């Protein structure tokens, strides 16, 4: 059973990117970065840019001689 967002315990944290105070729905681990909503969205959108790889067409020539 999933909890309502209202039931989540929020934890205070400082954004690793911009330094803003934020709250996150998990206890921050000091060894991992934490991002505010704005920085998280910017990073997520930047990582979704096409990189030119990873598709079926990048697997090399087709082998028809099985």
Foldseek 3Di string as FASTA:
>chain_A
DDDDPVPADWDWDAAPPPRDIAIDSDDDDVVDGDHHPVVVVVVVVVVPDDPPDDDPVPPDDDDPPD
